[in-house]
Amino acid sequence: MAEKLMTDGSMALREKQYRVITIEATEKPQNAKLRVAAYARVSSASDDQLNSFAAQNRHYSDLISSKENWRMVDIYADEGITGTSAEKREDFQRLLADCRRGLIDRVLVKSISRFARNTKECLETIRELKSLGVGVYFEKENIDTATMSGEMMTALFASFAQAESESISSNMRWSYQRRMQNGTFITCKAPFGYRLRNGALEIEESEAEIIRMIFARYLSGQSTADIAAEITKLGIPTRDGTPYWQYTTICYILQNERYAGNSLLQKYYATDTLPIKKKRNLGSKDQYYISESHPPIIDQNTFDKAQILFRAKGDKISKRSRDKHICFR
C-alpha cells in the first residue's frame, strides 16, 4: 500500500504543469552598440610628440567609426602632461567621470605607458573600471582588461612602464649632476632681477633697482615687513606676478647668493622613486657652489653684511615660502 502511495505521489509531481509567461527584453542585446572611447596622451610639448598626439586622435576616430557595432563616445586626450600622476591629467579625470556615469563600455589606449607610468594608480584605475563594467584595451600589448589574464598581464606591463619612467628620471638626474659638477647647469627659473636668455642669467635693470633698494633698506635698519610694504605701495609685482610683497619674499632675496653673482646648486633634489617629490637638501646630496657664474646685482661685501645682520636679527623664512621661491636645483 505504501509503495502504491509513493508511486502515485511521484506521478503527480511529474504531471503537474506550470504556466510560464515570457517577458521579452525591451532592447535586444544584438542591436545594442558598444559605447567606445579612446584615451591619448603625449608627455612632451615638442613638435614630434604633438604630431604623435594628432596621429593618435586620427587613428582612434577612424578605428571606432569603422566598426559597425561600435559607437564613439569621445576621444579624451592630454597634451604635454606626464603620466606618473593621474591627478594632473584633466581629460583622464574626465574619462573616469564619464565611466562612473555609465556612459562608456570600452576604452582604447595605444599602450600602458600612455595610460599610466605609475603601477599602483594604473591597477587601481583598471580595477575600478572593471567593477563598473568598463574594459580597457591596450593595442601595443594586445591586452584586454575585461579578462582576468588581461589584468595579470597589465600588472606586468605597468611595472615595465614605471621602470621605464624611473629610468628616464634617473638619466635626467645624472645629466643634471654632471652639468652641476662642470658648472654648465642652467637654472630652471630666473629670480626677480634677472631674465634667462640663451641659457644665461642677464640683469633686468628695472627690477635690479628694487633688489639694490631692498639690501640698502635692510642694512639701514628697516624690517623685512616694512620693506615689503614699501615695495607693494610702489605697485611693482613680484616675480610670479603677485601685486603684493610679503616679508618672506624679502627674506628669500636677502639670502639668495645669486644676487652677488654666485650660484649654489642642488638646494633641493628630486626623490629617486615614484611618486617623485621635491625635498630640501640638508646634506643628503652634494651641493655645488659656483663663484662669478653670472653678472652680480650687488657686490659681495654688501651681500656678506646682509647675511651677518640677518643672522644677528634672527629673521626667518618659512619652509613653505622657501619651497615657493627655490626651484629643484
C-alpha atoms as a PDB file:
ATOM      1  CA  MET A   1       0.000   0.000   0.000  1.00  0.00           C
ATOM      2  CA  ALA A   2       2.841   2.336   0.925  1.00  0.00           C
ATOM      3  CA  GLU A   3       4.584   1.567  -2.355  1.00  0.00           C
ATOM      4  CA  LYS A   4       1.451   2.468  -4.288  1.00  0.00           C
ATOM      5  CA  LEU A   5       1.126   5.804  -2.496  1.00  0.00           C
ATOM      6  CA  MET A   6       4.760   6.725  -3.293  1.00  0.00           C
ATOM      7  CA  THR A   7       4.226   5.882  -6.911  1.00  0.00           C
ATOM      8  CA  ASP A   8       1.078   7.944  -7.125  1.00  0.00           C
ATOM      9  CA  GLY A   9       2.846  10.921  -5.493  1.00  0.00           C
ATOM     10  CA  SER A  10       5.755  10.727  -7.921  1.00  0.00           C
ATOM     11  CA  MET A  11       3.435  10.599 -10.905  1.00  0.00           C
ATOM     12  CA  ALA A  12       1.531  13.618  -9.583  1.00  0.00           C
ATOM     13  CA  LEU A  13       4.736  15.714  -9.439  1.00  0.00           C
ATOM     14  CA  ARG A  14       5.650  14.776 -12.980  1.00  0.00           C
ATOM     15  CA  GLU A  15       2.222  15.547 -14.287  1.00  0.00           C
ATOM     16  CA  LYS A  16       2.000  18.999 -12.583  1.00  0.00           C
ATOM     17  CA  GLN A  17       2.323  21.819 -15.109  1.00  0.00           C
ATOM     18  CA  TYR A  18       3.437  25.450 -14.525  1.00  0.00           C
ATOM     19  CA  ARG A  19       2.266  28.393 -16.521  1.00  0.00           C
ATOM     20  CA  VAL A  20       5.322  30.453 -17.564  1.00  0.00           C
ATOM     21  CA  ILE A  21       4.985  33.869 -19.161  1.00  0.00           C
ATOM     22  CA  THR A  22       7.983  35.139 -21.135  1.00  0.00           C
ATOM     23  CA  ILE A  23       8.664  38.886 -20.832  1.00  0.00           C
ATOM     24  CA  GLU A  24      10.724  39.875 -23.838  1.00  0.00           C
ATOM     25  CA  ALA A  25      13.682  42.278 -23.448  1.00  0.00           C
ATOM     26  CA  THR A  26      12.831  45.803 -24.467  1.00  0.00           C
ATOM     27  CA  GLU A  27      16.310  46.201 -26.001  1.00  0.00           C
ATOM     28  CA  LYS A  28      17.789  43.299 -27.897  1.00  0.00           C
ATOM     29  CA  PRO A  29      21.493  42.776 -26.947  1.00  0.00           C
ATOM     30  CA  GLN A  30      22.436  42.125 -30.560  1.00  0.00           C
ATOM     31  CA  ASN A  31      21.080  45.539 -31.528  1.00  0.00           C
ATOM     32  CA  ALA A  32      22.898  47.489 -28.799  1.00  0.00           C
ATOM     33  CA  LYS A  33      26.097  49.196 -29.924  1.00  0.00           C
ATOM     34  CA  LEU A  34      29.198  49.155 -27.776  1.00  0.00           C
ATOM     35  CA  ARG A  35      29.943  52.625 -26.455  1.00  0.00           C
ATOM     36  CA  VAL A  36      33.648  53.110 -27.099  1.00  0.00           C
ATOM     37  CA  ALA A  37      36.017  55.876 -26.030  1.00  0.00           C
ATOM     38  CA  ALA A  38      39.732  56.374 -26.591  1.00  0.00           C
ATOM     39  CA  TYR A  39      42.443  57.935 -24.460  1.00  0.00           C
ATOM     40  CA  ALA A  40      45.586  59.518 -25.905  1.00  0.00           C
ATOM     41  CA  ARG A  41      48.488  61.210 -24.145  1.00  0.00           C
ATOM     42  CA  VAL A  42      51.866  62.659 -25.053  1.00  0.00           C
ATOM     43  CA  SER A  43      54.324  63.546 -22.307  1.00  0.00           C
ATOM     44  CA  SER A  44      56.137  66.392 -24.052  1.00  0.00           C
ATOM     45  CA  ALA A  45      55.148  69.541 -25.926  1.00  0.00           C
ATOM     46  CA  SER A  46      57.812  69.024 -28.612  1.00  0.00           C
ATOM     47  CA  ASP A  47      56.825  69.074 -32.305  1.00  0.00           C
ATOM     48  CA  ASP A  48      57.424  65.317 -32.700  1.00  0.00           C
ATOM     49  CA  GLN A  49      55.224  64.496 -29.733  1.00  0.00           C
ATOM     50  CA  LEU A  50      52.490  66.859 -30.858  1.00  0.00           C
ATOM     51  CA  ASN A  51      52.481  65.121 -34.240  1.00  0.00           C
ATOM     52  CA  SER A  52      52.095  61.817 -32.400  1.00  0.00           C
ATOM     53  CA  PHE A  53      49.274  63.351 -30.394  1.00  0.00           C
ATOM     54  CA  ALA A  54      47.367  64.348 -33.546  1.00  0.00           C
ATOM     55  CA  ALA A  55      48.064  60.948 -35.114  1.00  0.00           C
ATOM     56  CA  GLN A  56      46.579  59.142 -32.109  1.00  0.00           C
ATOM     57  CA  ASN A  57      43.414  61.232 -32.370  1.00  0.00           C
ATOM     58  CA  ARG A  58      43.032  60.475 -36.096  1.00  0.00           C
ATOM     59  CA  HIS A  59      43.732  56.784 -35.565  1.00  0.00           C
ATOM     60  CA  TYR A  60      41.019  56.329 -32.965  1.00  0.00           C
ATOM     61  CA  SER A  61      38.468  58.419 -34.834  1.00  0.00           C
ATOM     62  CA  ASP A  62      38.927  56.218 -37.926  1.00  0.00           C
ATOM     63  CA  LEU A  63      39.058  52.962 -35.944  1.00  0.00           C
ATOM     64  CA  ILE A  64      35.888  53.482 -33.911  1.00  0.00           C
ATOM     65  CA  SER A  65      33.855  54.842 -36.805  1.00  0.00           C
ATOM     66  CA  SER A  66      34.858  51.816 -38.939  1.00  0.00           C
ATOM     67  CA  LYS A  67      33.216  49.335 -36.535  1.00  0.00           C
ATOM     68  CA  GLU A  68      29.534  48.805 -37.289  1.00  0.00           C
ATOM     69  CA  ASN A  69      28.658  47.715 -33.729  1.00  0.00           C
ATOM     70  CA  TRP A  70      30.683  50.499 -32.061  1.00  0.00           C
ATOM     71  CA  ARG A  71      29.541  53.986 -31.219  1.00  0.00           C
ATOM     72  CA  MET A  72      32.158  56.608 -30.388  1.00  0.00           C
ATOM     73  CA  VAL A  73      31.579  58.430 -27.113  1.00  0.00           C
ATOM     74  CA  ASP A  74      34.589  60.757 -27.203  1.00  0.00           C
ATOM     75  CA  ILE A  75      38.356  60.917 -27.555  1.00  0.00           C
ATOM     76  CA  TYR A  76      39.978  62.024 -24.320  1.00  0.00           C
ATOM     77  CA  ALA A  77      43.444  63.490 -24.730  1.00  0.00           C
ATOM     78  CA  ASP A  78      46.068  65.095 -22.507  1.00  0.00           C
ATOM     79  CA  GLU A  79      48.829  67.035 -24.221  1.00  0.00           C
ATOM     80  CA  GLY A  80      52.307  67.596 -22.814  1.00  0.00           C
ATOM     81  CA  ILE A  81      51.494  66.052 -19.420  1.00  0.00           C
ATOM     82  CA  THR A  82      53.429  63.372 -17.528  1.00  0.00           C
ATOM     83  CA  GLY A  83      51.806  60.007 -16.930  1.00  0.00           C
ATOM     84  CA  THR A  84      53.256  59.430 -13.470  1.00  0.00           C
ATOM     85  CA  SER A  85      50.294  61.095 -11.765  1.00  0.00           C
ATOM     86  CA  ALA A  86      46.654  60.752 -12.840  1.00  0.00           C
ATOM     87  CA  GLU A  87      45.606  63.847 -10.863  1.00  0.00           C
ATOM     88  CA  LYS A  88      47.459  66.192 -13.247  1.00  0.00           C
ATOM     89  CA  ARG A  89      45.643  64.904 -16.364  1.00  0.00           C
ATOM     90  CA  GLU A  90      42.361  66.752 -16.789  1.00  0.00           C
ATOM     91  CA  ASP A  91      40.988  64.714 -19.687  1.00  0.00           C
ATOM     92  CA  PHE A  92      41.942  61.455 -17.973  1.00  0.00           C
ATOM     93  CA  GLN A  93      39.863  62.572 -14.998  1.00  0.00           C
ATOM     94  CA  ARG A  94      37.022  63.484 -17.376  1.00  0.00           C
ATOM     95  CA  LEU A  95      37.222  59.988 -18.884  1.00  0.00           C
ATOM     96  CA  LEU A  96      36.937  58.385 -15.436  1.00  0.00           C
ATOM     97  CA  ALA A  97      33.990  60.627 -14.561  1.00  0.00           C
ATOM     98  CA  ASP A  98      32.114  59.559 -17.719  1.00  0.00           C
ATOM     99  CA  CYS A  99      32.840  55.894 -16.973  1.00  0.00           C
ATOM    100  CA  ARG A 100      31.397  56.347 -13.489  1.00  0.00           C
ATOM    101  CA  ARG A 101      28.304  57.916 -15.016  1.00  0.00           C
ATOM    102  CA  GLY A 102      27.771  54.768 -17.093  1.00  0.00           C
ATOM    103  CA  LEU A 103      28.432  56.419 -20.464  1.00  0.00           C
ATOM    104  CA  ILE A 104      31.267  54.142 -21.633  1.00  0.00           C
ATOM    105  CA  ASP A 105      31.612  50.367 -22.184  1.00  0.00           C
ATOM    106  CA  ARG A 106      35.132  50.151 -23.569  1.00  0.00           C
ATOM    107  CA  VAL A 107      38.268  52.325 -23.610  1.00  0.00           C
ATOM    108  CA  LEU A 108      41.012  52.071 -26.222  1.00  0.00           C
ATOM    109  CA  VAL A 109      44.585  53.092 -25.410  1.00  0.00           C
ATOM    110  CA  LYS A 110      47.738  52.870 -27.543  1.00  0.00           C
ATOM    111  CA  SER A 111      49.842  51.346 -24.746  1.00  0.00           C
ATOM    112  CA  ILE A 112      50.022  51.002 -20.999  1.00  0.00           C
ATOM    113  CA  SER A 113      52.703  53.697 -20.830  1.00  0.00           C
ATOM    114  CA  ARG A 114      50.194  56.137 -22.406  1.00  0.00           C
ATOM    115  CA  PHE A 115      47.619  55.178 -19.783  1.00  0.00           C
ATOM    116  CA  ALA A 116      49.916  55.448 -16.745  1.00  0.00           C
ATOM    117  CA  ARG A 117      53.546  55.081 -15.678  1.00  0.00           C
ATOM    118  CA  ASN A 118      52.622  54.536 -12.060  1.00  0.00           C
ATOM    119  CA  THR A 119      51.852  50.852 -11.371  1.00  0.00           C
ATOM    120  CA  LYS A 120      49.686  51.479  -8.314  1.00  0.00           C
ATOM    121  CA  GLU A 121      47.448  54.082  -9.981  1.00  0.00           C
ATOM    122  CA  CYS A 122      47.249  52.025 -13.172  1.00  0.00           C
ATOM    123  CA  LEU A 123      45.948  48.916 -11.432  1.00  0.00           C
ATOM    124  CA  GLU A 124      43.615  50.831  -9.132  1.00  0.00           C
ATOM    125  CA  THR A 125      42.047  52.570 -12.136  1.00  0.00           C
ATOM    126  CA  ILE A 126      41.722  49.360 -14.154  1.00  0.00           C
ATOM    127  CA  ARG A 127      40.076  47.547 -11.248  1.00  0.00           C
ATOM    128  CA  GLU A 128      37.632  50.389 -10.688  1.00  0.00           C
ATOM    129  CA  LEU A 129      36.689  50.466 -14.370  1.00  0.00           C
ATOM    130  CA  LYS A 130      36.291  46.702 -14.397  1.00  0.00           C
ATOM    131  CA  SER A 131      33.904  46.932 -11.446  1.00  0.00           C
ATOM    132  CA  LEU A 132      31.907  49.466 -13.481  1.00  0.00           C
ATOM    133  CA  GLY A 133      31.746  47.064 -16.409  1.00  0.00           C
ATOM    134  CA  VAL A 134      34.261  49.047 -18.469  1.00  0.00           C
ATOM    135  CA  GLY A 135      37.060  47.192 -20.233  1.00  0.00           C
ATOM    136  CA  VAL A 136      40.344  48.802 -21.305  1.00  0.00           C
ATOM    137  CA  TYR A 137      42.145  47.535 -24.389  1.00  0.00           C
ATOM    138  CA  PHE A 138      45.862  48.272 -24.840  1.00  0.00           C
ATOM    139  CA  GLU A 139      46.755  47.958 -28.530  1.00  0.00           C
ATOM    140  CA  LYS A 140      50.528  47.619 -28.310  1.00  0.00           C
ATOM    141  CA  GLU A 141      50.443  44.892 -25.664  1.00  0.00           C
ATOM    142  CA  ASN A 142      47.211  43.314 -27.027  1.00  0.00           C
ATOM    143  CA  ILE A 143      45.762  43.231 -23.516  1.00  0.00           C
ATOM    144  CA  ASP A 144      42.070  43.390 -22.689  1.00  0.00           C
ATOM    145  CA  THR A 145      41.409  44.099 -19.016  1.00  0.00           C
ATOM    146  CA  ALA A 146      37.943  42.593 -19.294  1.00  0.00           C
ATOM    147  CA  THR A 147      39.591  39.203 -18.736  1.00  0.00           C
ATOM    148  CA  MET A 148      41.415  38.139 -15.580  1.00  0.00           C
ATOM    149  CA  SER A 149      44.502  37.148 -17.543  1.00  0.00           C
ATOM    150  CA  GLY A 150      44.444  40.633 -19.028  1.00  0.00           C
ATOM    151  CA  GLU A 151      44.618  42.206 -15.573  1.00  0.00           C
ATOM    152  CA  MET A 152      47.532  39.970 -14.593  1.00  0.00           C
ATOM    153  CA  MET A 153      49.389  40.980 -17.730  1.00  0.00           C
ATOM    154  CA  THR A 154      48.557  44.601 -17.077  1.00  0.00           C
ATOM    155  CA  ALA A 155      50.395  44.421 -13.750  1.00  0.00           C
ATOM    156  CA  LEU A 156      53.478  43.172 -15.561  1.00  0.00           C
ATOM    157  CA  PHE A 157      53.435  45.772 -18.324  1.00  0.00           C
ATOM    158  CA  ALA A 158      52.567  48.576 -15.906  1.00  0.00           C
ATOM    159  CA  SER A 159      55.644  47.629 -13.903  1.00  0.00           C
ATOM    160  CA  PHE A 160      57.692  47.880 -17.094  1.00  0.00           C
ATOM    161  CA  ALA A 161      56.214  51.297 -17.832  1.00  0.00           C
ATOM    162  CA  GLN A 162      57.018  52.527 -14.336  1.00  0.00           C
ATOM    163  CA  ALA A 163      60.550  51.165 -14.578  1.00  0.00           C
ATOM    164  CA  GLU A 164      60.965  52.994 -17.888  1.00  0.00           C
ATOM    165  CA  SER A 165      59.751  56.250 -16.342  1.00  0.00           C
ATOM    166  CA  GLU A 166      62.118  55.830 -13.376  1.00  0.00           C
ATOM    167  CA  SER A 167      64.967  55.093 -15.787  1.00  0.00           C
ATOM    168  CA  ILE A 168      64.252  58.303 -17.742  1.00  0.00           C
ATOM    169  CA  SER A 169      64.146  60.302 -14.490  1.00  0.00           C
ATOM    170  CA  SER A 170      67.389  58.693 -13.365  1.00  0.00           C
ATOM    171  CA  ASN A 171      69.079  59.622 -16.652  1.00  0.00           C
ATOM    172  CA  MET A 172      67.876  63.200 -16.316  1.00  0.00           C
ATOM    173  CA  ARG A 173      69.195  63.424 -12.743  1.00  0.00           C
ATOM    174  CA  TRP A 174      72.537  62.048 -13.899  1.00  0.00           C
ATOM    175  CA  SER A 175      72.638  64.695 -16.647  1.00  0.00           C
ATOM    176  CA  TYR A 176      71.816  67.453 -14.125  1.00  0.00           C
ATOM    177  CA  GLN A 177      74.523  66.125 -11.800  1.00  0.00           C
ATOM    178  CA  ARG A 178      77.174  66.148 -14.496  1.00  0.00           C
ATOM    179  CA  ARG A 179      76.314  69.699 -15.563  1.00  0.00           C
ATOM    180  CA  MET A 180      76.386  70.869 -11.948  1.00  0.00           C
ATOM    181  CA  GLN A 181      79.816  69.311 -11.487  1.00  0.00           C
ATOM    182  CA  ASN A 182      81.294  71.002 -14.553  1.00  0.00           C
ATOM    183  CA  GLY A 183      79.494  74.312 -13.952  1.00  0.00           C
ATOM    184  CA  THR A 184      77.332  74.266 -17.090  1.00  0.00           C
ATOM    185  CA  PHE A 185      73.943  73.710 -15.424  1.00  0.00           C
ATOM    186  CA  ILE A 186      71.278  76.247 -16.440  1.00  0.00           C
ATOM    187  CA  THR A 187      68.891  77.374 -13.713  1.00  0.00           C
ATOM    188  CA  CYS A 188      65.263  76.359 -14.112  1.00  0.00           C
ATOM    189  CA  LYS A 189      63.865  79.802 -13.306  1.00  0.00           C
ATOM    190  CA  ALA A 190      65.398  83.255 -13.191  1.00  0.00           C
ATOM    191  CA  PRO A 191      64.989  85.073  -9.855  1.00  0.00           C
ATOM    192  CA  PHE A 192      63.491  88.566  -9.648  1.00  0.00           C
ATOM    193  CA  GLY A 193      66.020  90.998 -11.119  1.00  0.00           C
ATOM    194  CA  TYR A 194      67.180  88.602 -13.844  1.00  0.00           C
ATOM    195  CA  ARG A 195      65.987  87.116 -17.110  1.00  0.00           C
ATOM    196  CA  LEU A 196      67.076  83.791 -18.553  1.00  0.00           C
ATOM    197  CA  ARG A 197      68.294  84.419 -22.102  1.00  0.00           C
ATOM    198  CA  ASN A 198      70.152  81.886 -24.264  1.00  0.00           C
ATOM    199  CA  GLY A 199      70.842  79.749 -21.226  1.00  0.00           C
ATOM    200  CA  ALA A 200      72.400  82.539 -19.160  1.00  0.00           C
ATOM    201  CA  LEU A 201      71.181  84.930 -16.463  1.00  0.00           C
ATOM    202  CA  GLU A 202      71.087  88.559 -17.552  1.00  0.00           C
ATOM    203  CA  ILE A 203      70.253  91.550 -15.349  1.00  0.00           C
ATOM    204  CA  GLU A 204      66.822  93.156 -15.792  1.00  0.00           C
ATOM    205  CA  GLU A 205      67.742  96.676 -14.734  1.00  0.00           C
ATOM    206  CA  SER A 206      64.212  97.854 -13.823  1.00  0.00           C
ATOM    207  CA  GLU A 207      63.969  95.007 -11.291  1.00  0.00           C
ATOM    208  CA  ALA A 208      67.630  95.167 -10.260  1.00  0.00           C
ATOM    209  CA  GLU A 209      66.961  98.653  -8.825  1.00  0.00           C
ATOM    210  CA  ILE A 210      64.422  97.103  -6.450  1.00  0.00           C
ATOM    211  CA  ILE A 211      66.939  94.453  -5.369  1.00  0.00           C
ATOM    212  CA  ARG A 212      69.539  97.111  -4.566  1.00  0.00           C
ATOM    213  CA  MET A 213      66.909  99.094  -2.668  1.00  0.00           C
ATOM    214  CA  ILE A 214      65.971  96.015  -0.595  1.00  0.00           C
ATOM    215  CA  PHE A 215      69.575  95.446   0.517  1.00  0.00           C
ATOM    216  CA  ALA A 216      70.116  99.147   1.215  1.00  0.00           C
ATOM    217  CA  ARG A 217      66.930  99.450   3.278  1.00  0.00           C
ATOM    218  CA  TYR A 218      67.712  96.307   5.255  1.00  0.00           C
ATOM    219  CA  LEU A 219      71.281  97.378   6.056  1.00  0.00           C
ATOM    220  CA  SER A 220      69.958 100.777   7.151  1.00  0.00           C
ATOM    221  CA  GLY A 221      67.813  99.069   9.788  1.00  0.00           C
ATOM    222  CA  GLN A 222      64.394  98.627   8.172  1.00  0.00           C
ATOM    223  CA  SER A 223      62.480  95.421   8.902  1.00  0.00           C
ATOM    224  CA  THR A 224      61.630  92.936   6.170  1.00  0.00           C
ATOM    225  CA  ALA A 225      57.897  93.643   6.736  1.00  0.00           C
ATOM    226  CA  ASP A 226      58.376  97.403   6.243  1.00  0.00           C
ATOM    227  CA  ILE A 227      60.431  96.849   3.086  1.00  0.00           C
ATOM    228  CA  ALA A 228      57.716  94.554   1.682  1.00  0.00           C
ATOM    229  CA  ALA A 229      55.025  97.148   2.409  1.00  0.00           C
ATOM    230  CA  GLU A 230      57.060  99.912   0.724  1.00  0.00           C
ATOM    231  CA  ILE A 231      57.569  97.906  -2.489  1.00  0.00           C
ATOM    232  CA  THR A 232      53.914  96.925  -2.551  1.00  0.00           C
ATOM    233  CA  LYS A 233      52.937 100.620  -2.447  1.00  0.00           C
ATOM    234  CA  LEU A 234      55.182 101.234  -5.463  1.00  0.00           C
ATOM    235  CA  GLY A 235      52.905  98.912  -7.450  1.00  0.00           C
ATOM    236  CA  ILE A 236      55.686  96.585  -8.557  1.00  0.00           C
ATOM    237  CA  PRO A 237      54.603  92.912  -8.901  1.00  0.00           C
ATOM    238  CA  THR A 238      56.723  90.014  -7.659  1.00  0.00           C
ATOM    239  CA  ARG A 239      58.470  87.558  -9.968  1.00  0.00           C
ATOM    240  CA  ASP A 240      55.281  85.455 -10.053  1.00  0.00           C
ATOM    241  CA  GLY A 241      53.085  88.464 -10.821  1.00  0.00           C
ATOM    242  CA  THR A 242      51.638  88.856  -7.317  1.00  0.00           C
ATOM    243  CA  PRO A 243      50.686  92.532  -6.687  1.00  0.00           C
ATOM    244  CA  TYR A 244      51.782  92.470  -3.054  1.00  0.00           C
ATOM    245  CA  TRP A 245      55.075  91.601  -1.392  1.00  0.00           C
ATOM    246  CA  GLN A 246      55.491  89.623   1.829  1.00  0.00           C
ATOM    247  CA  TYR A 247      58.320  89.721   4.335  1.00  0.00           C
ATOM    248  CA  THR A 248      59.186  86.125   3.395  1.00  0.00           C
ATOM    249  CA  THR A 249      59.889  87.270  -0.165  1.00  0.00           C
ATOM    250  CA  ILE A 250      62.297  89.892   1.175  1.00  0.00           C
ATOM    251  CA  CYS A 251      63.962  87.254   3.384  1.00  0.00           C
ATOM    252  CA  TYR A 252      64.453  84.980   0.375  1.00  0.00           C
ATOM    253  CA  ILE A 253      66.039  87.787  -1.662  1.00  0.00           C
ATOM    254  CA  LEU A 254      68.395  88.774   1.157  1.00  0.00           C
ATOM    255  CA  GLN A 255      69.669  85.166   1.397  1.00  0.00           C
ATOM    256  CA  ASN A 256      69.925  84.440  -2.316  1.00  0.00           C
ATOM    257  CA  GLU A 257      73.595  84.202  -3.318  1.00  0.00           C
ATOM    258  CA  ARG A 258      72.658  84.741  -6.974  1.00  0.00           C
ATOM    259  CA  TYR A 259      72.326  88.497  -6.388  1.00  0.00           C
ATOM    260  CA  ALA A 260      76.072  88.589  -5.653  1.00  0.00           C
ATOM    261  CA  GLY A 261      76.787  86.743  -8.922  1.00  0.00           C
ATOM    262  CA  ASN A 262      77.255  83.260  -7.443  1.00  0.00           C
ATOM    263  CA  SER A 263      75.265  80.012  -7.682  1.00  0.00           C
ATOM    264  CA  LEU A 264      74.628  77.297  -5.093  1.00  0.00           C
ATOM    265  CA  LEU A 265      73.233  74.298  -6.955  1.00  0.00           C
ATOM    266  CA  GLN A 266      71.089  71.418  -5.653  1.00  0.00           C
ATOM    267  CA  LYS A 267      69.488  73.244  -2.742  1.00  0.00           C
ATOM    268  CA  TYR A 268      66.604  70.862  -3.401  1.00  0.00           C
ATOM    269  CA  TYR A 269      66.572  67.457  -5.073  1.00  0.00           C
ATOM    270  CA  ALA A 270      64.039  65.042  -6.562  1.00  0.00           C
ATOM    271  CA  THR A 271      63.467  61.623  -4.976  1.00  0.00           C
ATOM    272  CA  ASP A 272      64.514  58.529  -6.927  1.00  0.00           C
ATOM    273  CA  THR A 273      61.205  56.633  -6.736  1.00  0.00           C
ATOM    274  CA  LEU A 274      57.619  57.397  -7.725  1.00  0.00           C
ATOM    275  CA  PRO A 275      55.770  59.452  -6.851  1.00  0.00           C
ATOM    276  CA  ILE A 276      58.630  61.931  -7.329  1.00  0.00           C
ATOM    277  CA  LYS A 277      58.810  64.518  -4.559  1.00  0.00           C
ATOM    278  CA  LYS A 278      60.915  67.637  -4.053  1.00  0.00           C
ATOM    279  CA  LYS A 279      62.967  67.674  -0.853  1.00  0.00           C
ATOM    280  CA  ARG A 280      65.219  70.281   0.696  1.00  0.00           C
ATOM    281  CA  ASN A 281      68.853  69.193   0.624  1.00  0.00           C
ATOM    282  CA  LEU A 282      70.018  69.163   4.231  1.00  0.00           C
ATOM    283  CA  GLY A 283      73.139  67.162   3.477  1.00  0.00           C
ATOM    284  CA  SER A 284      71.682  64.113   1.713  1.00  0.00           C
ATOM    285  CA  LYS A 285      73.154  65.160  -1.649  1.00  0.00           C
ATOM    286  CA  ASP A 286      76.244  67.038  -2.775  1.00  0.00           C
ATOM    287  CA  GLN A 287      75.867  70.754  -3.432  1.00  0.00           C
ATOM    288  CA  TYR A 288      77.896  72.795  -5.906  1.00  0.00           C
ATOM    289  CA  TYR A 289      78.972  76.393  -5.370  1.00  0.00           C
ATOM    290  CA  ILE A 290      79.999  78.342  -8.465  1.00  0.00           C
ATOM    291  CA  SER A 291      81.608  81.751  -7.986  1.00  0.00           C
ATOM    292  CA  GLU A 292      81.009  84.516 -10.539  1.00  0.00           C
ATOM    293  CA  SER A 293      78.610  82.354 -12.524  1.00  0.00           C
ATOM    294  CA  HIS A 294      76.693  85.393 -13.835  1.00  0.00           C
ATOM    295  CA  PRO A 295      76.627  89.228 -13.548  1.00  0.00           C
ATOM    296  CA  PRO A 296      76.004  90.430  -9.938  1.00  0.00           C
ATOM    297  CA  ILE A 297      73.336  92.957  -8.986  1.00  0.00           C
ATOM    298  CA  ILE A 298      75.029  93.799  -5.676  1.00  0.00           C
ATOM    299  CA  ASP A 299      78.656  93.437  -4.614  1.00  0.00           C
ATOM    300  CA  GLN A 300      79.859  90.568  -2.442  1.00  0.00           C
ATOM    301  CA  ASN A 301      80.647  92.859   0.512  1.00  0.00           C
ATOM    302  CA  THR A 302      77.055  94.136   0.637  1.00  0.00           C
ATOM    303  CA  PHE A 303      75.709  90.584   0.447  1.00  0.00           C
ATOM    304  CA  ASP A 304      78.012  89.391   3.264  1.00  0.00           C
ATOM    305  CA  LYS A 305      76.957  92.290   5.523  1.00  0.00           C
ATOM    306  CA  ALA A 306      73.298  91.409   4.927  1.00  0.00           C
ATOM    307  CA  GLN A 307      73.965  87.775   5.949  1.00  0.00           C
ATOM    308  CA  ILE A 308      75.639  88.845   9.184  1.00  0.00           C
ATOM    309  CA  LEU A 309      72.753  91.172  10.047  1.00  0.00           C
ATOM    310  CA  PHE A 310      70.196  88.545   9.036  1.00  0.00           C
ATOM    311  CA  ARG A 311      71.666  86.008  11.465  1.00  0.00           C
ATOM    312  CA  ALA A 312      72.041  88.598  14.206  1.00  0.00           C
ATOM    313  CA  LYS A 313      68.401  89.674  13.949  1.00  0.00           C
ATOM    314  CA  GLY A 314      67.179  86.087  13.739  1.00  0.00           C
ATOM    315  CA  ASP A 315      64.979  86.743  10.707  1.00  0.00           C
ATOM    316  CA  LYS A 316      63.389  83.551   9.391  1.00  0.00           C
ATOM    317  CA  ILE A 317      61.715  82.302   6.249  1.00  0.00           C
ATOM    318  CA  SER A 318      59.145  79.525   6.490  1.00  0.00           C
ATOM    319  CA  LYS A 319      59.720  76.174   4.743  1.00  0.00           C
ATOM    320  CA  ARG A 320      56.575  76.701   2.637  1.00  0.00           C
ATOM    321  CA  SER A 321      57.757  80.112   1.448  1.00  0.00           C
ATOM    322  CA  ARG A 322      61.239  78.782   0.729  1.00  0.00           C
ATOM    323  CA  ASP A 323      59.737  75.948  -1.338  1.00  0.00           C
ATOM    324  CA  LYS A 324      57.754  78.500  -3.342  1.00  0.00           C
ATOM    325  CA  HIS A 325      60.826  80.542  -4.232  1.00  0.00           C
ATOM    326  CA  ILE A 326      63.521  77.937  -4.791  1.00  0.00           C
ATOM    327  CA  CYS A 327      63.344  75.559  -7.750  1.00  0.00           C
ATOM    328  CA  PHE A 328      64.517  71.912  -7.853  1.00  0.00           C
ATOM    329  CA  ARG A 329      68.203  72.552  -8.378  1.00  0.00           C
END
